[in-house]
Amino acid sequence: MLQYEFMQHALFVSICISLLCPCIGIFMVLRRCSMIGDTMSHASLAGITLGLLVHKNPIIGAFLFTSACGALIEFLRKYFPRHLDLILTIILSLSIGTAITLISSGRLHTNAEAFLFGSILTVNHTDMLCIFLLTILSIFILYSLYNSLLYMAYDEETARIAGVKVDLINYAFAVLMAAAVSISIKIVGVMVLSSMIALPVATALQLKKGFQKTLFYAVLFSFMNMQLGLWGSYYLKVAPGGFTSLMSVFLLLLILLLKKVVHTHFAGRSTLDFTRNPSYDKVNKANRQGGKSFVHNILACQHKTNQTTRNNFGYIKKECQAHDGS
């Protein structure tokens, strides 16, 4: 299979995708905004059509337009701070409307619909150079902003109080998302691109490891998904984007199943009896004493919550120190 030049190009691009998309996706998932990836992937279609309209590389067009959309998302957050779904609807309306208008105008003279599902035949040397440069630049920026992004992933407001330039980093992260989307559209396609951003991270989170180990496993799972999708699509003669997405879902379900089997094996057949739990006795005792112990328990829970918060930020500091030391 690798004797063909187009498969060599596709393999190179798949490695770049496997490296960059999980590195972007883990911060998006932890910040609970993974749907931004889906919005950006659809926005890239408008960038592709704009690039084709002016006879430029569609990857560059997708990168520029998705960067603008990412910046627009951060700008609109100031006006709709509690309505991220509304902001994404606005961006989708803008991008999809632009793409459909240009495609239906008949001025492209190129089949832009081929980018919807991805193809291993469309990657050329110019695309490889653009993808390589975007990948290297994005990884360098991620490494430079690692500590700040880690603080923001756990608590954005606390990071702002701690002196992190949250707004500036959000704009920089929007550019990184645009780069991840742009390098993936040729192989994966617009329709299922978000699966490469979120699903490997979702799979790695099931292992319940630390942040850096979760990031490592996310990259590993992403590489497995891409290779299974690439090789499978070649032999089955199907679009690589759809098959890669199926492999991502299959691997996630497999990890969930294995996790359930292991948990059941080690847990045995022990049943959960609340009446034998020490906490149950404390609640009964509090009720019998007219609620005096209940107030004491509330204060103890509050102290435990504060201690947990301090432990979380201690963990973040440890992760940042480990990153700096490496």
C-alpha atoms as a PDB file:
ATOM      1  CA  MET A   1       0.000   0.000   0.000  1.00  0.00           C
ATOM      2  CA  LEU A   2       2.802   2.421   0.856  1.00  0.00           C
ATOM      3  CA  GLN A   3       4.366   2.099  -2.598  1.00  0.00           C
ATOM      4  CA  TYR A   4       1.783   4.631  -3.782  1.00  0.00           C
ATOM      5  CA  GLU A   5       2.751   8.264  -3.338  1.00  0.00           C
ATOM      6  CA  PHE A   6      -0.746   9.380  -2.340  1.00  0.00           C
ATOM      7  CA  MET A   7      -0.747   6.849   0.518  1.00  0.00           C
ATOM      8  CA  GLN A   8       2.600   8.178   1.734  1.00  0.00           C
ATOM      9  CA  HIS A   9       1.121  11.672   1.768  1.00  0.00           C
ATOM     10  CA  ALA A  10      -1.973  10.449   3.581  1.00  0.00           C
ATOM     11  CA  LEU A  11       0.151   8.663   6.195  1.00  0.00           C
ATOM     12  CA  PHE A  12       2.158  11.823   6.852  1.00  0.00           C
ATOM     13  CA  VAL A  13      -0.986  13.922   7.270  1.00  0.00           C
ATOM     14  CA  SER A  14      -2.581  11.319   9.549  1.00  0.00           C
ATOM     15  CA  ILE A  15       0.442  11.492  11.882  1.00  0.00           C
ATOM     16  CA  CYS A  16       0.135  15.287  12.052  1.00  0.00           C
ATOM     17  CA  ILE A  17      -3.567  14.977  12.832  1.00  0.00           C
ATOM     18  CA  SER A  18      -2.869  12.394  15.542  1.00  0.00           C
ATOM     19  CA  LEU A  19      -0.415  14.748  17.232  1.00  0.00           C
ATOM     20  CA  LEU A  20      -2.290  18.030  17.097  1.00  0.00           C
ATOM     21  CA  CYS A  21      -6.008  17.265  17.421  1.00  0.00           C
ATOM     22  CA  PRO A  22      -5.857  15.538  20.859  1.00  0.00           C
ATOM     23  CA  CYS A  23      -3.562  18.285  22.204  1.00  0.00           C
ATOM     24  CA  ILE A  24      -6.245  20.814  21.281  1.00  0.00           C
ATOM     25  CA  GLY A  25      -9.143  18.559  22.206  1.00  0.00           C
ATOM     26  CA  ILE A  26      -8.105  17.822  25.788  1.00  0.00           C
ATOM     27  CA  PHE A  27      -8.338  21.497  26.753  1.00  0.00           C
ATOM     28  CA  MET A  28     -11.661  21.857  24.929  1.00  0.00           C
ATOM     29  CA  VAL A  29     -13.156  18.815  26.654  1.00  0.00           C
ATOM     30  CA  LEU A  30     -11.961  19.890  30.112  1.00  0.00           C
ATOM     31  CA  ARG A  31     -13.451  23.348  29.536  1.00  0.00           C
ATOM     32  CA  ARG A  32     -16.725  21.710  28.389  1.00  0.00           C
ATOM     33  CA  CYS A  33     -16.730  23.410  25.006  1.00  0.00           C
ATOM     34  CA  SER A  34     -16.026  20.498  22.675  1.00  0.00           C
ATOM     35  CA  MET A  35     -18.923  21.545  20.431  1.00  0.00           C
ATOM     36  CA  ILE A  36     -16.786  24.490  19.342  1.00  0.00           C
ATOM     37  CA  GLY A  37     -14.736  21.944  17.401  1.00  0.00           C
ATOM     38  CA  ASP A  38     -17.820  20.873  15.468  1.00  0.00           C
ATOM     39  CA  THR A  39     -18.696  24.498  14.728  1.00  0.00           C
ATOM     40  CA  MET A  40     -15.157  25.263  13.567  1.00  0.00           C
ATOM     41  CA  SER A  41     -15.114  22.220  11.307  1.00  0.00           C
ATOM     42  CA  HIS A  42     -18.279  23.399   9.572  1.00  0.00           C
ATOM     43  CA  ALA A  43     -16.866  26.923   9.399  1.00  0.00           C
ATOM     44  CA  SER A  44     -13.846  25.546   7.536  1.00  0.00           C
ATOM     45  CA  LEU A  45     -16.109  24.687   4.585  1.00  0.00           C
ATOM     46  CA  ALA A  46     -16.731  28.406   4.063  1.00  0.00           C
ATOM     47  CA  GLY A  47     -12.972  29.011   4.211  1.00  0.00           C
ATOM     48  CA  ILE A  48     -12.423  26.295   1.623  1.00  0.00           C
ATOM     49  CA  THR A  49     -14.926  27.828  -0.771  1.00  0.00           C
ATOM     50  CA  LEU A  50     -13.398  31.294  -0.286  1.00  0.00           C
ATOM     51  CA  GLY A  51      -9.935  29.889  -1.011  1.00  0.00           C
ATOM     52  CA  LEU A  52     -11.180  28.176  -4.165  1.00  0.00           C
ATOM     53  CA  LEU A  53     -12.987  31.338  -5.239  1.00  0.00           C
ATOM     54  CA  VAL A  54      -9.761  33.374  -5.249  1.00  0.00           C
ATOM     55  CA  HIS A  55      -7.716  30.444  -6.630  1.00  0.00           C
ATOM     56  CA  LYS A  56      -5.656  29.971  -3.466  1.00  0.00           C
ATOM     57  CA  ASN A  57      -4.814  26.889  -1.407  1.00  0.00           C
ATOM     58  CA  PRO A  58      -8.044  25.804   0.320  1.00  0.00           C
ATOM     59  CA  ILE A  59      -6.123  24.827   3.486  1.00  0.00           C
ATOM     60  CA  ILE A  60      -4.896  28.403   3.877  1.00  0.00           C
ATOM     61  CA  GLY A  61      -8.417  29.681   3.199  1.00  0.00           C
ATOM     62  CA  ALA A  62      -9.848  27.327   5.819  1.00  0.00           C
ATOM     63  CA  PHE A  63      -7.204  28.355   8.355  1.00  0.00           C
ATOM     64  CA  LEU A  64      -7.811  32.072   7.896  1.00  0.00           C
ATOM     65  CA  PHE A  65     -11.606  31.851   7.977  1.00  0.00           C
ATOM     66  CA  THR A  66     -11.765  29.480  10.966  1.00  0.00           C
ATOM     67  CA  SER A  67      -9.282  31.717  12.812  1.00  0.00           C
ATOM     68  CA  ALA A  68     -11.622  34.635  12.214  1.00  0.00           C
ATOM     69  CA  CYS A  69     -14.593  32.577  13.396  1.00  0.00           C
ATOM     70  CA  GLY A  70     -12.706  31.521  16.528  1.00  0.00           C
ATOM     71  CA  ALA A  71     -11.881  35.149  17.293  1.00  0.00           C
ATOM     72  CA  LEU A  72     -15.531  36.057  16.673  1.00  0.00           C
ATOM     73  CA  ILE A  73     -16.636  33.394  19.174  1.00  0.00           C
ATOM     74  CA  GLU A  74     -14.406  34.910  21.856  1.00  0.00           C
ATOM     75  CA  PHE A  75     -15.644  38.401  20.980  1.00  0.00           C
ATOM     76  CA  LEU A  76     -19.313  37.392  21.220  1.00  0.00           C
ATOM     77  CA  ARG A  77     -18.713  35.798  24.620  1.00  0.00           C
ATOM     78  CA  LYS A  78     -18.531  39.309  26.061  1.00  0.00           C
ATOM     79  CA  TYR A  79     -22.096  39.959  24.898  1.00  0.00           C
ATOM     80  CA  PHE A  80     -23.512  36.453  25.532  1.00  0.00           C
ATOM     81  CA  PRO A  81     -21.457  35.176  28.498  1.00  0.00           C
ATOM     82  CA  ARG A  82     -23.993  32.501  29.468  1.00  0.00           C
ATOM     83  CA  HIS A  83     -25.144  31.427  26.005  1.00  0.00           C
ATOM     84  CA  LEU A  84     -22.353  29.553  24.237  1.00  0.00           C
ATOM     85  CA  ASP A  85     -24.922  27.544  22.276  1.00  0.00           C
ATOM     86  CA  LEU A  86     -26.363  30.776  20.865  1.00  0.00           C
ATOM     87  CA  ILE A  87     -22.891  31.960  19.833  1.00  0.00           C
ATOM     88  CA  LEU A  88     -22.227  28.680  18.018  1.00  0.00           C
ATOM     89  CA  THR A  89     -25.557  29.018  16.210  1.00  0.00           C
ATOM     90  CA  ILE A  90     -24.529  32.465  14.976  1.00  0.00           C
ATOM     91  CA  ILE A  91     -21.175  31.164  13.709  1.00  0.00           C
ATOM     92  CA  LEU A  92     -22.801  28.166  12.029  1.00  0.00           C
ATOM     93  CA  SER A  93     -25.313  30.417  10.287  1.00  0.00           C
ATOM     94  CA  LEU A  94     -22.535  32.661   9.016  1.00  0.00           C
ATOM     95  CA  SER A  95     -20.245  29.888   7.800  1.00  0.00           C
ATOM     96  CA  ILE A  96     -22.814  27.514   6.322  1.00  0.00           C
ATOM     97  CA  GLY A  97     -24.618  30.411   4.648  1.00  0.00           C
ATOM     98  CA  THR A  98     -21.353  31.584   3.090  1.00  0.00           C
ATOM     99  CA  ALA A  99     -20.431  28.085   1.908  1.00  0.00           C
ATOM    100  CA  ILE A 100     -23.819  27.295   0.362  1.00  0.00           C
ATOM    101  CA  THR A 101     -23.993  30.682  -1.362  1.00  0.00           C
ATOM    102  CA  LEU A 102     -20.567  30.273  -2.980  1.00  0.00           C
ATOM    103  CA  ILE A 103     -21.079  26.630  -3.949  1.00  0.00           C
ATOM    104  CA  SER A 104     -24.455  27.334  -5.547  1.00  0.00           C
ATOM    105  CA  SER A 105     -23.139  30.395  -7.401  1.00  0.00           C
ATOM    106  CA  GLY A 106     -21.214  28.228  -9.874  1.00  0.00           C
ATOM    107  CA  ARG A 107     -18.071  30.381  -9.656  1.00  0.00           C
ATOM    108  CA  LEU A 108     -15.765  27.881  -7.964  1.00  0.00           C
ATOM    109  CA  HIS A 109     -15.029  25.660 -10.985  1.00  0.00           C
ATOM    110  CA  THR A 110     -13.983  22.985  -8.466  1.00  0.00           C
ATOM    111  CA  ASN A 111     -15.915  20.344  -6.579  1.00  0.00           C
ATOM    112  CA  ALA A 112     -15.890  21.753  -3.031  1.00  0.00           C
ATOM    113  CA  GLU A 113     -18.196  18.975  -1.881  1.00  0.00           C
ATOM    114  CA  ALA A 114     -15.232  16.573  -1.978  1.00  0.00           C
ATOM    115  CA  PHE A 115     -14.013  18.201   1.247  1.00  0.00           C
ATOM    116  CA  LEU A 116     -17.147  17.130   3.110  1.00  0.00           C
ATOM    117  CA  PHE A 117     -16.058  13.508   3.501  1.00  0.00           C
ATOM    118  CA  GLY A 118     -12.296  13.615   2.992  1.00  0.00           C
ATOM    119  CA  SER A 119     -10.159  11.813   0.448  1.00  0.00           C
ATOM    120  CA  ILE A 120      -6.691  10.258   0.514  1.00  0.00           C
ATOM    121  CA  LEU A 121      -6.202  11.240  -3.134  1.00  0.00           C
ATOM    122  CA  THR A 122      -6.337  15.022  -2.701  1.00  0.00           C
ATOM    123  CA  VAL A 123      -3.179  15.655  -0.625  1.00  0.00           C
ATOM    124  CA  ASN A 124      -0.336  17.163  -2.662  1.00  0.00           C
ATOM    125  CA  HIS A 125       3.143  18.448  -1.794  1.00  0.00           C
ATOM    126  CA  THR A 126       1.932  21.992  -1.157  1.00  0.00           C
ATOM    127  CA  ASP A 127      -0.713  20.712   1.240  1.00  0.00           C
ATOM    128  CA  MET A 128       1.889  18.647   3.074  1.00  0.00           C
ATOM    129  CA  LEU A 129       4.130  21.689   3.520  1.00  0.00           C
ATOM    130  CA  CYS A 130       1.254  23.814   4.846  1.00  0.00           C
ATOM    131  CA  ILE A 131       0.121  21.039   7.188  1.00  0.00           C
ATOM    132  CA  PHE A 132       3.666  20.469   8.487  1.00  0.00           C
ATOM    133  CA  LEU A 133       4.243  24.175   9.199  1.00  0.00           C
ATOM    134  CA  LEU A 134       0.864  24.571  10.925  1.00  0.00           C
ATOM    135  CA  THR A 135       1.508  21.492  13.064  1.00  0.00           C
ATOM    136  CA  ILE A 136       4.977  22.611  14.197  1.00  0.00           C
ATOM    137  CA  LEU A 137       3.788  26.155  14.909  1.00  0.00           C
ATOM    138  CA  SER A 138       0.755  24.939  16.851  1.00  0.00           C
ATOM    139  CA  ILE A 139       2.714  22.482  18.995  1.00  0.00           C
ATOM    140  CA  PHE A 140       5.254  25.199  19.822  1.00  0.00           C
ATOM    141  CA  ILE A 141       2.477  27.601  20.890  1.00  0.00           C
ATOM    142  CA  LEU A 142       0.788  24.873  22.929  1.00  0.00           C
ATOM    143  CA  TYR A 143       4.051  24.130  24.715  1.00  0.00           C
ATOM    144  CA  SER A 144       4.559  27.823  25.462  1.00  0.00           C
ATOM    145  CA  LEU A 145       1.024  28.294  26.821  1.00  0.00           C
ATOM    146  CA  TYR A 146       0.774  24.914  28.564  1.00  0.00           C
ATOM    147  CA  ASN A 147       0.727  26.197  32.155  1.00  0.00           C
ATOM    148  CA  SER A 148      -1.794  28.959  31.448  1.00  0.00           C
ATOM    149  CA  LEU A 149      -4.083  26.631  29.494  1.00  0.00           C
ATOM    150  CA  LEU A 150      -3.934  24.115  32.330  1.00  0.00           C
ATOM    151  CA  TYR A 151      -5.034  26.723  34.877  1.00  0.00           C
ATOM    152  CA  MET A 152      -7.815  27.889  32.566  1.00  0.00           C
ATOM    153  CA  ALA A 153      -9.012  24.341  31.936  1.00  0.00           C
ATOM    154  CA  TYR A 154      -9.711  23.829  35.639  1.00  0.00           C
ATOM    155  CA  ASP A 155     -11.070  27.280  36.531  1.00  0.00           C
ATOM    156  CA  GLU A 156     -10.986  30.218  34.140  1.00  0.00           C
ATOM    157  CA  GLU A 157     -12.061  32.840  36.680  1.00  0.00           C
ATOM    158  CA  THR A 158      -9.445  31.755  39.199  1.00  0.00           C
ATOM    159  CA  ALA A 159      -6.825  31.809  36.464  1.00  0.00           C
ATOM    160  CA  ARG A 160      -7.834  35.376  35.662  1.00  0.00           C
ATOM    161  CA  ILE A 161      -7.427  36.350  39.320  1.00  0.00           C
ATOM    162  CA  ALA A 162      -4.034  34.625  39.389  1.00  0.00           C
ATOM    163  CA  GLY A 163      -2.820  36.939  36.635  1.00  0.00           C
ATOM    164  CA  VAL A 164      -3.283  34.730  33.576  1.00  0.00           C
ATOM    165  CA  LYS A 165      -4.109  36.752  30.455  1.00  0.00           C
ATOM    166  CA  VAL A 166      -7.263  34.773  29.785  1.00  0.00           C
ATOM    167  CA  ASP A 167      -8.664  36.860  26.916  1.00  0.00           C
ATOM    168  CA  LEU A 168      -5.396  36.908  24.982  1.00  0.00           C
ATOM    169  CA  ILE A 169      -4.863  33.171  25.450  1.00  0.00           C
ATOM    170  CA  ASN A 170      -8.434  32.464  24.349  1.00  0.00           C
ATOM    171  CA  TYR A 171      -7.760  34.269  21.073  1.00  0.00           C
ATOM    172  CA  ALA A 172      -4.499  32.353  20.636  1.00  0.00           C
ATOM    173  CA  PHE A 173      -6.306  29.091  21.360  1.00  0.00           C
ATOM    174  CA  ALA A 174      -8.877  29.942  18.686  1.00  0.00           C
ATOM    175  CA  VAL A 175      -6.022  30.133  16.171  1.00  0.00           C
ATOM    176  CA  LEU A 176      -4.774  26.734  17.385  1.00  0.00           C
ATOM    177  CA  MET A 177      -8.235  25.249  16.860  1.00  0.00           C
ATOM    178  CA  ALA A 178      -8.268  26.695  13.357  1.00  0.00           C
ATOM    179  CA  ALA A 179      -4.904  25.048  12.655  1.00  0.00           C
ATOM    180  CA  ALA A 180      -6.144  21.662  13.918  1.00  0.00           C
ATOM    181  CA  VAL A 181      -9.218  21.912  11.721  1.00  0.00           C
ATOM    182  CA  SER A 182      -7.243  23.016   8.668  1.00  0.00           C
ATOM    183  CA  ILE A 183      -4.753  20.159   8.724  1.00  0.00           C
ATOM    184  CA  SER A 184      -7.551  17.598   9.040  1.00  0.00           C
ATOM    185  CA  ILE A 185     -10.035  18.572   6.353  1.00  0.00           C
ATOM    186  CA  LYS A 186      -8.154  16.915   3.492  1.00  0.00           C
ATOM    187  CA  ILE A 187      -8.186  13.433   5.037  1.00  0.00           C
ATOM    188  CA  VAL A 188     -11.010  13.381   7.583  1.00  0.00           C
ATOM    189  CA  GLY A 189     -13.426  15.798   5.936  1.00  0.00           C
ATOM    190  CA  VAL A 190     -15.614  18.544   7.329  1.00  0.00           C
ATOM    191  CA  MET A 191     -18.580  16.431   8.431  1.00  0.00           C
ATOM    192  CA  VAL A 192     -16.823  14.217  11.003  1.00  0.00           C
ATOM    193  CA  LEU A 193     -13.745  16.275  11.844  1.00  0.00           C
ATOM    194  CA  SER A 194     -14.898  16.997  15.384  1.00  0.00           C
ATOM    195  CA  SER A 195     -14.650  13.284  16.193  1.00  0.00           C
ATOM    196  CA  MET A 196     -10.855  13.499  15.921  1.00  0.00           C
ATOM    197  CA  ILE A 197     -10.802  16.362  18.411  1.00  0.00           C
ATOM    198  CA  ALA A 198     -13.116  14.995  21.116  1.00  0.00           C
ATOM    199  CA  LEU A 199     -13.363  11.192  20.900  1.00  0.00           C
ATOM    200  CA  PRO A 200      -9.693  10.264  21.566  1.00  0.00           C
ATOM    201  CA  VAL A 201      -9.788  12.507  24.628  1.00  0.00           C
ATOM    202  CA  ALA A 202     -13.072  10.956  25.777  1.00  0.00           C
ATOM    203  CA  THR A 203     -11.496   7.520  25.428  1.00  0.00           C
ATOM    204  CA  ALA A 204      -8.369   8.520  27.356  1.00  0.00           C
ATOM    205  CA  LEU A 205     -10.430  10.043  30.170  1.00  0.00           C
ATOM    206  CA  GLN A 206     -11.916   6.628  30.896  1.00  0.00           C
ATOM    207  CA  LEU A 207      -8.506   5.461  32.130  1.00  0.00           C
ATOM    208  CA  LYS A 208      -8.639   8.040  34.968  1.00  0.00           C
ATOM    209  CA  LYS A 209      -4.966   8.984  34.854  1.00  0.00           C
ATOM    210  CA  GLY A 210      -3.251  12.316  35.491  1.00  0.00           C
ATOM    211  CA  PHE A 211      -3.360  15.119  32.989  1.00  0.00           C
ATOM    212  CA  GLN A 212      -0.107  14.364  31.191  1.00  0.00           C
ATOM    213  CA  LYS A 213      -0.826  10.622  31.015  1.00  0.00           C
ATOM    214  CA  THR A 214      -4.328  11.354  29.725  1.00  0.00           C
ATOM    215  CA  LEU A 215      -2.817  13.565  27.029  1.00  0.00           C
ATOM    216  CA  PHE A 216      -0.382  10.795  26.081  1.00  0.00           C
ATOM    217  CA  TYR A 217      -3.138   8.188  25.819  1.00  0.00           C
ATOM    218  CA  ALA A 218      -5.313  10.608  23.833  1.00  0.00           C
ATOM    219  CA  VAL A 219      -2.526  10.987  21.257  1.00  0.00           C
ATOM    220  CA  LEU A 220      -2.058   7.205  21.222  1.00  0.00           C
ATOM    221  CA  PHE A 221      -5.765   6.527  20.686  1.00  0.00           C
ATOM    222  CA  SER A 222      -5.891   9.217  18.011  1.00  0.00           C
ATOM    223  CA  PHE A 223      -3.011   7.561  16.170  1.00  0.00           C
ATOM    224  CA  MET A 224      -4.732   4.181  16.379  1.00  0.00           C
ATOM    225  CA  ASN A 225      -8.008   5.623  15.090  1.00  0.00           C
ATOM    226  CA  MET A 226      -6.307   7.366  12.181  1.00  0.00           C
ATOM    227  CA  GLN A 227      -4.321   4.309  11.118  1.00  0.00           C
ATOM    228  CA  LEU A 228      -7.310   1.980  11.385  1.00  0.00           C
ATOM    229  CA  GLY A 229      -9.422   4.458   9.437  1.00  0.00           C
ATOM    230  CA  LEU A 230      -6.764   5.070   6.792  1.00  0.00           C
ATOM    231  CA  TRP A 231      -5.928   1.435   6.123  1.00  0.00           C
ATOM    232  CA  GLY A 232      -9.538   0.298   6.418  1.00  0.00           C
ATOM    233  CA  SER A 233     -10.802   2.928   3.985  1.00  0.00           C
ATOM    234  CA  TYR A 234      -8.112   1.939   1.495  1.00  0.00           C
ATOM    235  CA  TYR A 235      -9.081  -1.743   1.443  1.00  0.00           C
ATOM    236  CA  LEU A 236     -12.832  -1.181   1.776  1.00  0.00           C
ATOM    237  CA  LYS A 237     -12.785   1.666  -0.780  1.00  0.00           C
ATOM    238  CA  VAL A 238     -14.783   4.036   1.416  1.00  0.00           C
ATOM    239  CA  ALA A 239     -14.266   7.629   2.546  1.00  0.00           C
ATOM    240  CA  PRO A 240     -11.543   7.765   5.243  1.00  0.00           C
ATOM    241  CA  GLY A 241     -13.374  10.386   7.307  1.00  0.00           C
ATOM    242  CA  GLY A 242     -16.463   8.305   7.981  1.00  0.00           C
ATOM    243  CA  PHE A 243     -14.537   5.099   8.645  1.00  0.00           C
ATOM    244  CA  THR A 244     -12.120   6.886  10.998  1.00  0.00           C
ATOM    245  CA  SER A 245     -15.083   8.274  12.911  1.00  0.00           C
ATOM    246  CA  LEU A 246     -16.532   4.772  13.241  1.00  0.00           C
ATOM    247  CA  MET A 247     -13.201   3.466  14.526  1.00  0.00           C
ATOM    248  CA  SER A 248     -13.107   6.262  17.114  1.00  0.00           C
ATOM    249  CA  VAL A 249     -16.559   5.337  18.426  1.00  0.00           C
ATOM    250  CA  PHE A 250     -15.714   1.612  18.359  1.00  0.00           C
ATOM    251  CA  LEU A 251     -12.514   2.136  20.374  1.00  0.00           C
ATOM    252  CA  LEU A 252     -14.379   4.265  22.926  1.00  0.00           C
ATOM    253  CA  LEU A 253     -17.059   1.589  23.347  1.00  0.00           C
ATOM    254  CA  LEU A 254     -14.369  -1.095  23.624  1.00  0.00           C
ATOM    255  CA  ILE A 255     -12.595   0.789  26.436  1.00  0.00           C
ATOM    256  CA  LEU A 256     -15.918   1.322  28.233  1.00  0.00           C
ATOM    257  CA  LEU A 257     -16.709  -2.390  27.945  1.00  0.00           C
ATOM    258  CA  LEU A 258     -13.271  -3.467  29.180  1.00  0.00           C
ATOM    259  CA  LYS A 259     -13.538  -1.010  32.057  1.00  0.00           C
ATOM    260  CA  LYS A 260     -16.917  -2.473  33.026  1.00  0.00           C
ATOM    261  CA  VAL A 261     -15.589  -6.047  32.861  1.00  0.00           C
ATOM    262  CA  VAL A 262     -12.545  -5.229  34.989  1.00  0.00           C
ATOM    263  CA  HIS A 263     -14.660  -3.350  37.528  1.00  0.00           C
ATOM    264  CA  THR A 264     -17.132  -6.227  37.780  1.00  0.00           C
ATOM    265  CA  HIS A 265     -14.341  -8.785  38.124  1.00  0.00           C
ATOM    266  CA  PHE A 266     -12.635  -7.003  41.010  1.00  0.00           C
ATOM    267  CA  ALA A 267     -15.795  -5.791  42.692  1.00  0.00           C
ATOM    268  CA  GLY A 268     -17.270  -9.286  42.876  1.00  0.00           C
ATOM    269  CA  ARG A 269     -20.910  -9.624  43.757  1.00  0.00           C
ATOM    270  CA  SER A 270     -20.901  -7.357  46.800  1.00  0.00           C
ATOM    271  CA  THR A 271     -24.150  -5.441  47.226  1.00  0.00           C
ATOM    272  CA  LEU A 272     -24.518  -1.857  48.351  1.00  0.00           C
ATOM    273  CA  ASP A 273     -26.178  -1.652  51.764  1.00  0.00           C
ATOM    274  CA  PHE A 274     -26.717   1.909  52.935  1.00  0.00           C
ATOM    275  CA  THR A 275     -27.706   0.804  56.462  1.00  0.00           C
ATOM    276  CA  ARG A 276     -24.192  -0.568  56.996  1.00  0.00           C
ATOM    277  CA  ASN A 277     -22.517   2.647  55.900  1.00  0.00           C
ATOM    278  CA  PRO A 278     -20.994   4.752  58.739  1.00  0.00           C
ATOM    279  CA  SER A 279     -22.435   7.888  57.136  1.00  0.00           C
ATOM    280  CA  TYR A 280     -25.915   6.400  57.537  1.00  0.00           C
ATOM    281  CA  ASP A 281     -25.346   6.025  61.281  1.00  0.00           C
ATOM    282  CA  LYS A 282     -24.146   9.639  61.510  1.00  0.00           C
ATOM    283  CA  VAL A 283     -27.305  10.917  59.833  1.00  0.00           C
ATOM    284  CA  ASN A 284     -29.504   8.877  62.176  1.00  0.00           C
ATOM    285  CA  LYS A 285     -27.575  10.123  65.176  1.00  0.00           C
ATOM    286  CA  ALA A 286     -27.942  13.717  63.986  1.00  0.00           C
ATOM    287  CA  ASN A 287     -31.684  13.282  63.626  1.00  0.00           C
ATOM    288  CA  ARG A 288     -31.980  11.803  67.120  1.00  0.00           C
ATOM    289  CA  GLN A 289     -30.008  14.668  68.658  1.00  0.00           C
ATOM    290  CA  GLY A 290     -32.261  17.316  67.159  1.00  0.00           C
ATOM    291  CA  GLY A 291     -29.943  18.323  64.367  1.00  0.00           C
ATOM    292  CA  LYS A 292     -26.930  19.336  66.490  1.00  0.00           C
ATOM    293  CA  SER A 293     -24.630  16.849  64.792  1.00  0.00           C
ATOM    294  CA  PHE A 294     -26.087  17.836  61.434  1.00  0.00           C
ATOM    295  CA  VAL A 295     -24.652  21.364  61.750  1.00  0.00           C
ATOM    296  CA  HIS A 296     -21.304  19.889  62.741  1.00  0.00           C
ATOM    297  CA  ASN A 297     -21.355  17.656  59.664  1.00  0.00           C
ATOM    298  CA  ILE A 298     -22.132  20.623  57.407  1.00  0.00           C
ATOM    299  CA  LEU A 299     -19.124  22.515  58.773  1.00  0.00           C
ATOM    300  CA  ALA A 300     -16.960  19.418  58.324  1.00  0.00           C
ATOM    301  CA  CYS A 301     -18.131  19.060  54.701  1.00  0.00           C
ATOM    302  CA  GLN A 302     -17.361  22.730  54.068  1.00  0.00           C
ATOM    303  CA  HIS A 303     -13.851  22.262  55.471  1.00  0.00           C
ATOM    304  CA  LYS A 304     -13.406  19.167  53.312  1.00  0.00           C
ATOM    305  CA  THR A 305     -14.569  21.097  50.216  1.00  0.00           C
ATOM    306  CA  ASN A 306     -12.064  23.870  50.884  1.00  0.00           C
ATOM    307  CA  GLN A 307      -9.333  21.304  51.392  1.00  0.00           C
ATOM    308  CA  THR A 308     -10.306  19.613  48.096  1.00  0.00           C
ATOM    309  CA  THR A 309     -10.081  22.947  46.280  1.00  0.00           C
ATOM    310  CA  ARG A 310      -6.612  23.549  47.692  1.00  0.00           C
ATOM    311  CA  ASN A 311      -5.598  20.037  46.650  1.00  0.00           C
ATOM    312  CA  ASN A 312      -6.845  20.647  43.098  1.00  0.00           C
ATOM    313  CA  PHE A 313      -4.754  23.778  42.692  1.00  0.00           C
ATOM    314  CA  GLY A 314      -1.844  22.007  44.295  1.00  0.00           C
ATOM    315  CA  TYR A 315      -2.243  19.348  41.602  1.00  0.00           C
ATOM    316  CA  ILE A 316      -2.289  21.989  38.868  1.00  0.00           C
ATOM    317  CA  LYS A 317       0.858  23.559  40.284  1.00  0.00           C
ATOM    318  CA  LYS A 318       2.525  20.137  40.363  1.00  0.00           C
ATOM    319  CA  GLU A 319       1.566  19.476  36.739  1.00  0.00           C
ATOM    320  CA  CYS A 320       2.966  22.857  35.688  1.00  0.00           C
ATOM    321  CA  GLN A 321       6.201  22.256  37.571  1.00  0.00           C
ATOM    322  CA  ALA A 322       6.540  18.839  35.949  1.00  0.00           C
ATOM    323  CA  HIS A 323       6.009  20.434  32.539  1.00  0.00           C
ATOM    324  CA  ASP A 324       8.623  23.132  33.258  1.00  0.00           C
ATOM    325  CA  GLY A 325      11.070  20.512  34.485  1.00  0.00           C
ATOM    326  CA  SER A 326      10.652  18.465  31.333  1.00  0.00           C
END
